[in-house]
Amino acid sequence: MSILLGLLFSSLTGFAGYKKGALSESGALGAVLVGTAIFGFGGWVAGLALIAFFISSSLLSFFKAEAKQKVAEKFDKGHRRDLGQTFANGGVAAIVAVLGVIWPGDWWWLAFLGAMATVTADTWSTEFGVLSKHPPRLITTGKLTSPGTSGGITLAGSLAAFGGAIFIGLTAWLLLGAQQLLGGALPVPYGRHLPLILVVGGAGFFGAMVDSFIGATWQVMYYCDSCHKETEQSLHHACGDTPTRFIRGLRWLNNDLVNLISSVAGALFAVAGALLLI
């Protein structure tokens, strides 16, 4: 029954995202698969935390969209999330929710929140960072770089990353409190304590910084000889799908895989942080 309800809620969310232009057709399918796993195996609190990420990130993607347009030309994909992006953003959280049923324990809920906080922090950081009035600096060297460059960070983007991570921690804490008031059993004893918010916030921020570091070092990057710009795209869409030239990184390590790896880092940080601080 819980899986069927998860399928229903995730289908409604995926359809709404598709109609609003936040998801492509494949992205809507990915949202259904990820959402069903999280709702069905993780419960309604985990499912609503996923929806909080999706709604906040989708709204921010449309915020000052015109001002972001030129910078967005560098990114591998636009604001309409596809199947790969939905798995990159929610895949780790979905797997953790399923594993939590197979191997019950406090760990899965903390890992889930760490993964969700990471992808939220990364998305918020990108959406606000590209609007910064100050040029970004590479996380590895501190050198100035152009907006939208993988591995470039700004103060605005970093603050947004921490804010997005705290947002997920606060959302989870409030939802767990609501579940307790309704007489439901808490998935973990940490739900009653405010430190949960800080642990999740720290995990999300850490995961976002891991994302930036990998983006500056190993993520694949190309160069468009037509417009003389670096891009994450093997075919530069802004130049009519012009073939681009590989310049650095690991050819197989695209932005989706970077997001997936950073989600794992955030999940592990949350579990470790809870063991030490809560």
C-alpha atoms as a PDB file:
ATOM      1  CA  MET A   1       0.000   0.000   0.000  1.00  0.00           C
ATOM      2  CA  SER A   2       2.799   2.433   0.844  1.00  0.00           C
ATOM      3  CA  ILE A   3       4.445   1.792  -2.531  1.00  0.00           C
ATOM      4  CA  LEU A   4       1.136   2.375  -4.335  1.00  0.00           C
ATOM      5  CA  LEU A   5       0.637   5.633  -2.450  1.00  0.00           C
ATOM      6  CA  GLY A   6       4.227   6.580  -3.295  1.00  0.00           C
ATOM      7  CA  LEU A   7       3.520   5.901  -6.958  1.00  0.00           C
ATOM      8  CA  LEU A   8       0.407   8.091  -6.797  1.00  0.00           C
ATOM      9  CA  PHE A   9       2.102  11.052  -5.104  1.00  0.00           C
ATOM     10  CA  SER A  10       5.237  10.870  -7.225  1.00  0.00           C
ATOM     11  CA  SER A  11       3.176  10.619 -10.429  1.00  0.00           C
ATOM     12  CA  LEU A  12       1.245  13.747  -9.473  1.00  0.00           C
ATOM     13  CA  THR A  13       4.509  15.549  -8.649  1.00  0.00           C
ATOM     14  CA  GLY A  14       6.163  14.416 -11.883  1.00  0.00           C
ATOM     15  CA  PHE A  15       3.174  15.481 -13.964  1.00  0.00           C
ATOM     16  CA  ALA A  16       3.045  18.888 -12.264  1.00  0.00           C
ATOM     17  CA  GLY A  17       6.778  19.361 -12.815  1.00  0.00           C
ATOM     18  CA  TYR A  18       6.428  18.462 -16.482  1.00  0.00           C
ATOM     19  CA  LYS A  19       3.501  20.835 -17.019  1.00  0.00           C
ATOM     20  CA  LYS A  20       5.378  23.688 -15.318  1.00  0.00           C
ATOM     21  CA  GLY A  21       8.463  23.102 -17.458  1.00  0.00           C
ATOM     22  CA  ALA A  22      10.676  22.013 -14.553  1.00  0.00           C
ATOM     23  CA  LEU A  23      10.963  18.437 -15.869  1.00  0.00           C
ATOM     24  CA  SER A  24      11.398  16.945 -19.317  1.00  0.00           C
ATOM     25  CA  GLU A  25       9.476  13.791 -20.272  1.00  0.00           C
ATOM     26  CA  SER A  26      12.347  11.589 -19.118  1.00  0.00           C
ATOM     27  CA  GLY A  27      12.736  13.755 -16.021  1.00  0.00           C
ATOM     28  CA  ALA A  28       9.085  13.177 -15.127  1.00  0.00           C
ATOM     29  CA  LEU A  29       9.674   9.430 -15.440  1.00  0.00           C
ATOM     30  CA  GLY A  30      12.734   9.731 -13.216  1.00  0.00           C
ATOM     31  CA  ALA A  31      10.726  11.695 -10.658  1.00  0.00           C
ATOM     32  CA  VAL A  32       8.130   8.908 -10.557  1.00  0.00           C
ATOM     33  CA  LEU A  33      10.765   6.201 -10.046  1.00  0.00           C
ATOM     34  CA  VAL A  34      12.730   8.117  -7.416  1.00  0.00           C
ATOM     35  CA  GLY A  35       9.622   9.425  -5.684  1.00  0.00           C
ATOM     36  CA  THR A  36       7.982   6.012  -5.520  1.00  0.00           C
ATOM     37  CA  ALA A  37      11.054   4.515  -3.874  1.00  0.00           C
ATOM     38  CA  ILE A  38      11.378   7.335  -1.358  1.00  0.00           C
ATOM     39  CA  PHE A  39       7.664   7.609  -0.509  1.00  0.00           C
ATOM     40  CA  GLY A  40       7.121   3.861  -0.586  1.00  0.00           C
ATOM     41  CA  PHE A  41      10.122   2.768   1.471  1.00  0.00           C
ATOM     42  CA  GLY A  42      11.053   5.935   3.374  1.00  0.00           C
ATOM     43  CA  GLY A  43       7.583   7.069   4.411  1.00  0.00           C
ATOM     44  CA  TRP A  44       5.698  10.339   4.117  1.00  0.00           C
ATOM     45  CA  VAL A  45       8.272  12.400   6.056  1.00  0.00           C
ATOM     46  CA  ALA A  46      11.028  11.393   3.615  1.00  0.00           C
ATOM     47  CA  GLY A  47       8.667  11.955   0.699  1.00  0.00           C
ATOM     48  CA  LEU A  48       7.772  15.477   1.809  1.00  0.00           C
ATOM     49  CA  ALA A  49      11.452  16.280   2.296  1.00  0.00           C
ATOM     50  CA  LEU A  50      11.981  15.250  -1.342  1.00  0.00           C
ATOM     51  CA  ILE A  51       9.103  17.487  -2.438  1.00  0.00           C
ATOM     52  CA  ALA A  52      10.588  20.388  -0.438  1.00  0.00           C
ATOM     53  CA  PHE A  53      13.815  19.995  -2.424  1.00  0.00           C
ATOM     54  CA  PHE A  54      12.012  19.752  -5.753  1.00  0.00           C
ATOM     55  CA  ILE A  55       9.702  22.733  -5.228  1.00  0.00           C
ATOM     56  CA  SER A  56      12.381  25.043  -3.830  1.00  0.00           C
ATOM     57  CA  SER A  57      14.890  24.115  -6.546  1.00  0.00           C
ATOM     58  CA  SER A  58      12.344  24.444  -9.346  1.00  0.00           C
ATOM     59  CA  LEU A  59      11.213  27.869  -8.157  1.00  0.00           C
ATOM     60  CA  LEU A  60      14.809  29.081  -7.895  1.00  0.00           C
ATOM     61  CA  SER A  61      15.587  27.855 -11.410  1.00  0.00           C
ATOM     62  CA  PHE A  62      12.990  30.308 -12.741  1.00  0.00           C
ATOM     63  CA  PHE A  63      14.176  33.169 -10.490  1.00  0.00           C
ATOM     64  CA  LYS A  64      15.825  35.826 -12.704  1.00  0.00           C
ATOM     65  CA  ALA A  65      16.073  33.217 -15.468  1.00  0.00           C
ATOM     66  CA  GLU A  66      16.937  35.800 -18.123  1.00  0.00           C
ATOM     67  CA  ALA A  67      19.925  37.052 -16.131  1.00  0.00           C
ATOM     68  CA  LYS A  68      21.188  33.471 -15.844  1.00  0.00           C
ATOM     69  CA  GLN A  69      20.748  32.634 -19.517  1.00  0.00           C
ATOM     70  CA  LYS A  70      24.283  33.360 -20.758  1.00  0.00           C
ATOM     71  CA  VAL A  71      25.877  31.562 -17.837  1.00  0.00           C
ATOM     72  CA  ALA A  72      23.514  28.601 -18.352  1.00  0.00           C
ATOM     73  CA  GLU A  73      25.037  28.104 -21.801  1.00  0.00           C
ATOM     74  CA  LYS A  74      28.048  26.547 -20.049  1.00  0.00           C
ATOM     75  CA  PHE A  75      26.037  23.959 -18.178  1.00  0.00           C
ATOM     76  CA  ASP A  76      25.511  20.470 -19.492  1.00  0.00           C
ATOM     77  CA  LYS A  77      21.724  20.815 -19.208  1.00  0.00           C
ATOM     78  CA  GLY A  78      19.138  23.532 -18.707  1.00  0.00           C
ATOM     79  CA  HIS A  79      16.640  24.095 -15.922  1.00  0.00           C
ATOM     80  CA  ARG A  80      14.365  21.295 -17.212  1.00  0.00           C
ATOM     81  CA  ARG A  81      15.666  18.263 -15.366  1.00  0.00           C
ATOM     82  CA  ASP A  82      15.942  15.035 -17.366  1.00  0.00           C
ATOM     83  CA  LEU A  83      16.180  11.387 -16.296  1.00  0.00           C
ATOM     84  CA  GLY A  84      19.898  11.614 -15.556  1.00  0.00           C
ATOM     85  CA  GLN A  85      19.477  14.685 -13.388  1.00  0.00           C
ATOM     86  CA  THR A  86      16.604  13.234 -11.378  1.00  0.00           C
ATOM     87  CA  PHE A  87      18.652  10.116 -10.647  1.00  0.00           C
ATOM     88  CA  ALA A  88      21.735  12.220  -9.866  1.00  0.00           C
ATOM     89  CA  ASN A  89      19.756  14.360  -7.438  1.00  0.00           C
ATOM     90  CA  GLY A  90      17.498  11.744  -5.872  1.00  0.00           C
ATOM     91  CA  GLY A  91      19.103   8.407  -6.679  1.00  0.00           C
ATOM     92  CA  VAL A  92      21.284   8.132  -3.580  1.00  0.00           C
ATOM     93  CA  ALA A  93      18.398   9.129  -1.301  1.00  0.00           C
ATOM     94  CA  ALA A  94      16.133   6.552  -2.987  1.00  0.00           C
ATOM     95  CA  ILE A  95      18.707   3.767  -2.627  1.00  0.00           C
ATOM     96  CA  VAL A  96      19.234   4.662   1.026  1.00  0.00           C
ATOM     97  CA  ALA A  97      15.469   4.538   1.661  1.00  0.00           C
ATOM     98  CA  VAL A  98      15.274   1.044   0.160  1.00  0.00           C
ATOM     99  CA  LEU A  99      18.328  -0.153   2.096  1.00  0.00           C
ATOM    100  CA  GLY A 100      16.780   1.216   5.287  1.00  0.00           C
ATOM    101  CA  VAL A 101      14.014  -1.372   4.946  1.00  0.00           C
ATOM    102  CA  ILE A 102      16.487  -4.181   4.290  1.00  0.00           C
ATOM    103  CA  TRP A 103      18.868  -3.131   7.091  1.00  0.00           C
ATOM    104  CA  PRO A 104      16.828  -1.096   9.575  1.00  0.00           C
ATOM    105  CA  GLY A 105      18.565   1.399  11.837  1.00  0.00           C
ATOM    106  CA  ASP A 106      19.123   5.063  12.530  1.00  0.00           C
ATOM    107  CA  TRP A 107      21.791   5.319   9.829  1.00  0.00           C
ATOM    108  CA  TRP A 108      19.476   5.326   6.815  1.00  0.00           C
ATOM    109  CA  TRP A 109      17.456   8.372   7.852  1.00  0.00           C
ATOM    110  CA  LEU A 110      20.580  10.411   8.544  1.00  0.00           C
ATOM    111  CA  ALA A 111      22.167   9.314   5.270  1.00  0.00           C
ATOM    112  CA  PHE A 112      18.960  10.184   3.437  1.00  0.00           C
ATOM    113  CA  LEU A 113      18.894  13.703   4.872  1.00  0.00           C
ATOM    114  CA  GLY A 114      22.597  14.195   4.154  1.00  0.00           C
ATOM    115  CA  ALA A 115      22.073  13.254   0.504  1.00  0.00           C
ATOM    116  CA  MET A 116      18.999  15.481   0.136  1.00  0.00           C
ATOM    117  CA  ALA A 117      20.737  18.387   1.869  1.00  0.00           C
ATOM    118  CA  THR A 118      23.683  18.051  -0.510  1.00  0.00           C
ATOM    119  CA  VAL A 119      21.668  18.239  -3.725  1.00  0.00           C
ATOM    120  CA  THR A 120      19.613  21.105  -2.320  1.00  0.00           C
ATOM    121  CA  ALA A 121      22.732  22.990  -1.261  1.00  0.00           C
ATOM    122  CA  ASP A 122      24.336  22.443  -4.660  1.00  0.00           C
ATOM    123  CA  THR A 123      21.245  23.631  -6.534  1.00  0.00           C
ATOM    124  CA  TRP A 124      20.698  26.705  -4.361  1.00  0.00           C
ATOM    125  CA  SER A 125      24.392  27.538  -4.622  1.00  0.00           C
ATOM    126  CA  THR A 126      24.289  27.442  -8.417  1.00  0.00           C
ATOM    127  CA  GLU A 127      21.073  29.438  -8.720  1.00  0.00           C
ATOM    128  CA  PHE A 128      22.299  32.252  -6.462  1.00  0.00           C
ATOM    129  CA  GLY A 129      25.999  32.019  -7.255  1.00  0.00           C
ATOM    130  CA  VAL A 130      25.608  32.812 -10.957  1.00  0.00           C
ATOM    131  CA  LEU A 131      23.828  36.034  -9.983  1.00  0.00           C
ATOM    132  CA  SER A 132      26.698  37.229  -7.800  1.00  0.00           C
ATOM    133  CA  LYS A 133      28.052  40.689  -8.610  1.00  0.00           C
ATOM    134  CA  HIS A 134      31.540  39.443  -7.788  1.00  0.00           C
ATOM    135  CA  PRO A 135      33.380  36.933 -10.016  1.00  0.00           C
ATOM    136  CA  PRO A 136      33.823  33.427  -8.605  1.00  0.00           C
ATOM    137  CA  ARG A 137      37.123  31.965  -7.479  1.00  0.00           C
ATOM    138  CA  LEU A 138      38.250  28.398  -8.067  1.00  0.00           C
ATOM    139  CA  ILE A 139      37.885  26.347  -4.913  1.00  0.00           C
ATOM    140  CA  THR A 140      41.261  24.714  -5.549  1.00  0.00           C
ATOM    141  CA  THR A 141      43.491  27.751  -6.198  1.00  0.00           C
ATOM    142  CA  GLY A 142      41.478  30.835  -5.289  1.00  0.00           C
ATOM    143  CA  LYS A 143      42.067  32.296  -8.751  1.00  0.00           C
ATOM    144  CA  LEU A 144      39.343  34.395 -10.340  1.00  0.00           C
ATOM    145  CA  THR A 145      37.315  32.639 -13.009  1.00  0.00           C
ATOM    146  CA  SER A 146      34.242  33.349 -15.122  1.00  0.00           C
ATOM    147  CA  PRO A 147      30.689  32.794 -13.797  1.00  0.00           C
ATOM    148  CA  GLY A 148      29.368  29.287 -14.365  1.00  0.00           C
ATOM    149  CA  THR A 149      32.788  27.635 -14.375  1.00  0.00           C
ATOM    150  CA  SER A 150      32.769  24.243 -12.645  1.00  0.00           C
ATOM    151  CA  GLY A 151      34.553  24.542  -9.314  1.00  0.00           C
ATOM    152  CA  GLY A 152      34.054  28.301  -9.082  1.00  0.00           C
ATOM    153  CA  ILE A 153      32.560  29.541  -5.808  1.00  0.00           C
ATOM    154  CA  THR A 154      31.266  32.889  -4.558  1.00  0.00           C
ATOM    155  CA  LEU A 155      30.286  34.155  -1.133  1.00  0.00           C
ATOM    156  CA  ALA A 156      26.659  34.413  -2.254  1.00  0.00           C
ATOM    157  CA  GLY A 157      26.715  30.892  -3.615  1.00  0.00           C
ATOM    158  CA  SER A 158      28.362  29.468  -0.499  1.00  0.00           C
ATOM    159  CA  LEU A 159      25.826  31.154   1.789  1.00  0.00           C
ATOM    160  CA  ALA A 160      23.037  29.841  -0.424  1.00  0.00           C
ATOM    161  CA  ALA A 161      24.520  26.332  -0.201  1.00  0.00           C
ATOM    162  CA  PHE A 162      24.459  26.436   3.582  1.00  0.00           C
ATOM    163  CA  GLY A 163      20.961  27.920   3.513  1.00  0.00           C
ATOM    164  CA  GLY A 164      19.695  25.120   1.268  1.00  0.00           C
ATOM    165  CA  ALA A 165      21.203  22.463   3.501  1.00  0.00           C
ATOM    166  CA  ILE A 166      19.737  24.066   6.648  1.00  0.00           C
ATOM    167  CA  PHE A 167      16.394  24.265   4.838  1.00  0.00           C
ATOM    168  CA  ILE A 168      16.314  20.474   4.463  1.00  0.00           C
ATOM    169  CA  GLY A 169      17.388  19.973   8.085  1.00  0.00           C
ATOM    170  CA  LEU A 170      14.714  22.362   9.348  1.00  0.00           C
ATOM    171  CA  THR A 171      12.069  20.786   7.110  1.00  0.00           C
ATOM    172  CA  ALA A 172      12.898  17.316   8.405  1.00  0.00           C
ATOM    173  CA  TRP A 173      12.891  18.482  12.032  1.00  0.00           C
ATOM    174  CA  LEU A 174       9.463  20.091  11.624  1.00  0.00           C
ATOM    175  CA  LEU A 175       8.045  17.072   9.812  1.00  0.00           C
ATOM    176  CA  LEU A 176       9.339  14.704  12.475  1.00  0.00           C
ATOM    177  CA  GLY A 177       7.788  16.915  15.138  1.00  0.00           C
ATOM    178  CA  ALA A 178       4.470  16.785  13.284  1.00  0.00           C
ATOM    179  CA  GLN A 179       4.703  13.010  13.065  1.00  0.00           C
ATOM    180  CA  GLN A 180       5.309  12.827  16.805  1.00  0.00           C
ATOM    181  CA  LEU A 181       2.311  15.056  17.533  1.00  0.00           C
ATOM    182  CA  LEU A 182       0.152  12.792  15.372  1.00  0.00           C
ATOM    183  CA  GLY A 183       1.215   9.849  17.480  1.00  0.00           C
ATOM    184  CA  GLY A 184       3.477   8.267  14.915  1.00  0.00           C
ATOM    185  CA  ALA A 185       6.737   6.556  15.767  1.00  0.00           C
ATOM    186  CA  LEU A 186       9.805   8.594  14.907  1.00  0.00           C
ATOM    187  CA  PRO A 187      12.149   6.903  12.431  1.00  0.00           C
ATOM    188  CA  VAL A 188      15.118   7.978  14.575  1.00  0.00           C
ATOM    189  CA  PRO A 189      15.417   9.413  18.101  1.00  0.00           C
ATOM    190  CA  TYR A 190      17.305  12.429  16.744  1.00  0.00           C
ATOM    191  CA  GLY A 191      14.129  14.015  15.403  1.00  0.00           C
ATOM    192  CA  ARG A 192      13.365  15.669  18.735  1.00  0.00           C
ATOM    193  CA  HIS A 193      16.680  17.518  18.922  1.00  0.00           C
ATOM    194  CA  LEU A 194      17.710  20.758  17.249  1.00  0.00           C
ATOM    195  CA  PRO A 195      21.288  19.513  16.580  1.00  0.00           C
ATOM    196  CA  LEU A 196      19.773  17.448  13.761  1.00  0.00           C
ATOM    197  CA  ILE A 197      19.389  20.679  11.789  1.00  0.00           C
ATOM    198  CA  LEU A 198      23.057  21.584  12.213  1.00  0.00           C
ATOM    199  CA  VAL A 199      24.298  18.099  11.361  1.00  0.00           C
ATOM    200  CA  VAL A 200      22.229  18.020   8.187  1.00  0.00           C
ATOM    201  CA  GLY A 201      23.256  21.588   7.361  1.00  0.00           C
ATOM    202  CA  GLY A 202      26.912  20.720   7.747  1.00  0.00           C
ATOM    203  CA  ALA A 203      26.514  17.555   5.683  1.00  0.00           C
ATOM    204  CA  GLY A 204      24.825  19.409   2.841  1.00  0.00           C
ATOM    205  CA  PHE A 205      27.424  22.165   2.802  1.00  0.00           C
ATOM    206  CA  PHE A 206      30.254  19.613   2.865  1.00  0.00           C
ATOM    207  CA  GLY A 207      28.688  17.691  -0.005  1.00  0.00           C
ATOM    208  CA  ALA A 208      28.305  20.886  -2.045  1.00  0.00           C
ATOM    209  CA  MET A 209      31.978  21.735  -1.503  1.00  0.00           C
ATOM    210  CA  VAL A 210      32.937  18.213  -2.606  1.00  0.00           C
ATOM    211  CA  ASP A 211      30.878  18.856  -5.738  1.00  0.00           C
ATOM    212  CA  SER A 212      32.793  22.091  -6.400  1.00  0.00           C
ATOM    213  CA  PHE A 213      36.162  20.446  -5.782  1.00  0.00           C
ATOM    214  CA  ILE A 214      35.463  17.595  -8.203  1.00  0.00           C
ATOM    215  CA  GLY A 215      34.111  20.121 -10.689  1.00  0.00           C
ATOM    216  CA  ALA A 216      37.384  22.038 -10.557  1.00  0.00           C
ATOM    217  CA  THR A 217      39.623  18.992 -10.841  1.00  0.00           C
ATOM    218  CA  TRP A 218      38.207  15.863 -12.495  1.00  0.00           C
ATOM    219  CA  GLN A 219      34.891  16.779 -14.125  1.00  0.00           C
ATOM    220  CA  VAL A 220      35.015  16.659 -17.928  1.00  0.00           C
ATOM    221  CA  MET A 221      35.168  20.055 -19.656  1.00  0.00           C
ATOM    222  CA  TYR A 222      35.047  21.054 -23.309  1.00  0.00           C
ATOM    223  CA  TYR A 223      35.846  24.172 -25.345  1.00  0.00           C
ATOM    224  CA  CYS A 224      33.685  25.646 -28.069  1.00  0.00           C
ATOM    225  CA  ASP A 225      35.898  27.059 -30.822  1.00  0.00           C
ATOM    226  CA  SER A 226      32.893  28.814 -32.349  1.00  0.00           C
ATOM    227  CA  CYS A 227      32.150  31.147 -29.423  1.00  0.00           C
ATOM    228  CA  HIS A 228      35.464  30.670 -27.557  1.00  0.00           C
ATOM    229  CA  LYS A 229      33.868  29.497 -24.300  1.00  0.00           C
ATOM    230  CA  GLU A 230      34.365  26.588 -21.935  1.00  0.00           C
ATOM    231  CA  THR A 231      31.337  24.355 -21.519  1.00  0.00           C
ATOM    232  CA  GLU A 232      30.222  21.080 -19.953  1.00  0.00           C
ATOM    233  CA  GLN A 233      28.560  20.124 -23.248  1.00  0.00           C
ATOM    234  CA  SER A 234      30.107  17.858 -25.873  1.00  0.00           C
ATOM    235  CA  LEU A 235      27.761  19.612 -28.309  1.00  0.00           C
ATOM    236  CA  HIS A 236      27.347  23.307 -27.519  1.00  0.00           C
ATOM    237  CA  HIS A 237      23.613  23.911 -27.746  1.00  0.00           C
ATOM    238  CA  ALA A 238      23.924  27.709 -27.706  1.00  0.00           C
ATOM    239  CA  CYS A 239      25.923  27.502 -30.948  1.00  0.00           C
ATOM    240  CA  GLY A 240      23.529  25.218 -32.775  1.00  0.00           C
ATOM    241  CA  ASP A 241      24.873  21.941 -31.326  1.00  0.00           C
ATOM    242  CA  THR A 242      28.404  22.728 -32.472  1.00  0.00           C
ATOM    243  CA  PRO A 243      30.863  19.910 -31.623  1.00  0.00           C
ATOM    244  CA  THR A 244      33.226  20.985 -28.854  1.00  0.00           C
ATOM    245  CA  ARG A 245      36.808  20.078 -28.044  1.00  0.00           C
ATOM    246  CA  PHE A 246      37.818  18.100 -24.943  1.00  0.00           C
ATOM    247  CA  ILE A 247      40.217  20.122 -22.782  1.00  0.00           C
ATOM    248  CA  ARG A 248      40.435  18.505 -19.342  1.00  0.00           C
ATOM    249  CA  GLY A 249      39.010  16.135 -16.761  1.00  0.00           C
ATOM    250  CA  LEU A 250      37.878  12.528 -16.979  1.00  0.00           C
ATOM    251  CA  ARG A 251      35.803  11.973 -20.096  1.00  0.00           C
ATOM    252  CA  TRP A 252      33.265   9.789 -18.278  1.00  0.00           C
ATOM    253  CA  LEU A 253      32.821  12.123 -15.281  1.00  0.00           C
ATOM    254  CA  ASN A 254      29.977  14.448 -16.256  1.00  0.00           C
ATOM    255  CA  ASN A 255      27.954  16.736 -14.008  1.00  0.00           C
ATOM    256  CA  ASP A 256      25.350  14.082 -13.169  1.00  0.00           C
ATOM    257  CA  LEU A 257      28.014  11.722 -11.833  1.00  0.00           C
ATOM    258  CA  VAL A 258      29.604  14.557  -9.860  1.00  0.00           C
ATOM    259  CA  ASN A 259      26.239  15.237  -8.222  1.00  0.00           C
ATOM    260  CA  LEU A 260      25.863  11.546  -7.421  1.00  0.00           C
ATOM    261  CA  ILE A 261      29.308  11.327  -5.814  1.00  0.00           C
ATOM    262  CA  SER A 262      28.787  14.476  -3.767  1.00  0.00           C
ATOM    263  CA  SER A 263      25.437  13.072  -2.545  1.00  0.00           C
ATOM    264  CA  VAL A 264      27.258  10.022  -1.207  1.00  0.00           C
ATOM    265  CA  ALA A 265      29.765  12.315   0.511  1.00  0.00           C
ATOM    266  CA  GLY A 266      26.966  14.300   2.154  1.00  0.00           C
ATOM    267  CA  ALA A 267      25.208  11.113   3.273  1.00  0.00           C
ATOM    268  CA  LEU A 268      28.369   9.744   4.910  1.00  0.00           C
ATOM    269  CA  PHE A 269      29.083  13.103   6.573  1.00  0.00           C
ATOM    270  CA  ALA A 270      25.591  13.177   8.105  1.00  0.00           C
ATOM    271  CA  VAL A 271      25.972   9.696   9.607  1.00  0.00           C
ATOM    272  CA  ALA A 272      29.447  10.489  10.966  1.00  0.00           C
ATOM    273  CA  GLY A 273      28.362  13.887  12.246  1.00  0.00           C
ATOM    274  CA  ALA A 274      25.386  12.409  14.097  1.00  0.00           C
ATOM    275  CA  LEU A 275      27.581   9.794  15.785  1.00  0.00           C
ATOM    276  CA  LEU A 276      29.942  12.534  17.006  1.00  0.00           C
ATOM    277  CA  LEU A 277      27.557  15.364  17.895  1.00  0.00           C
ATOM    278  CA  ILE A 278      24.104  13.978  18.710  1.00  0.00           C
END
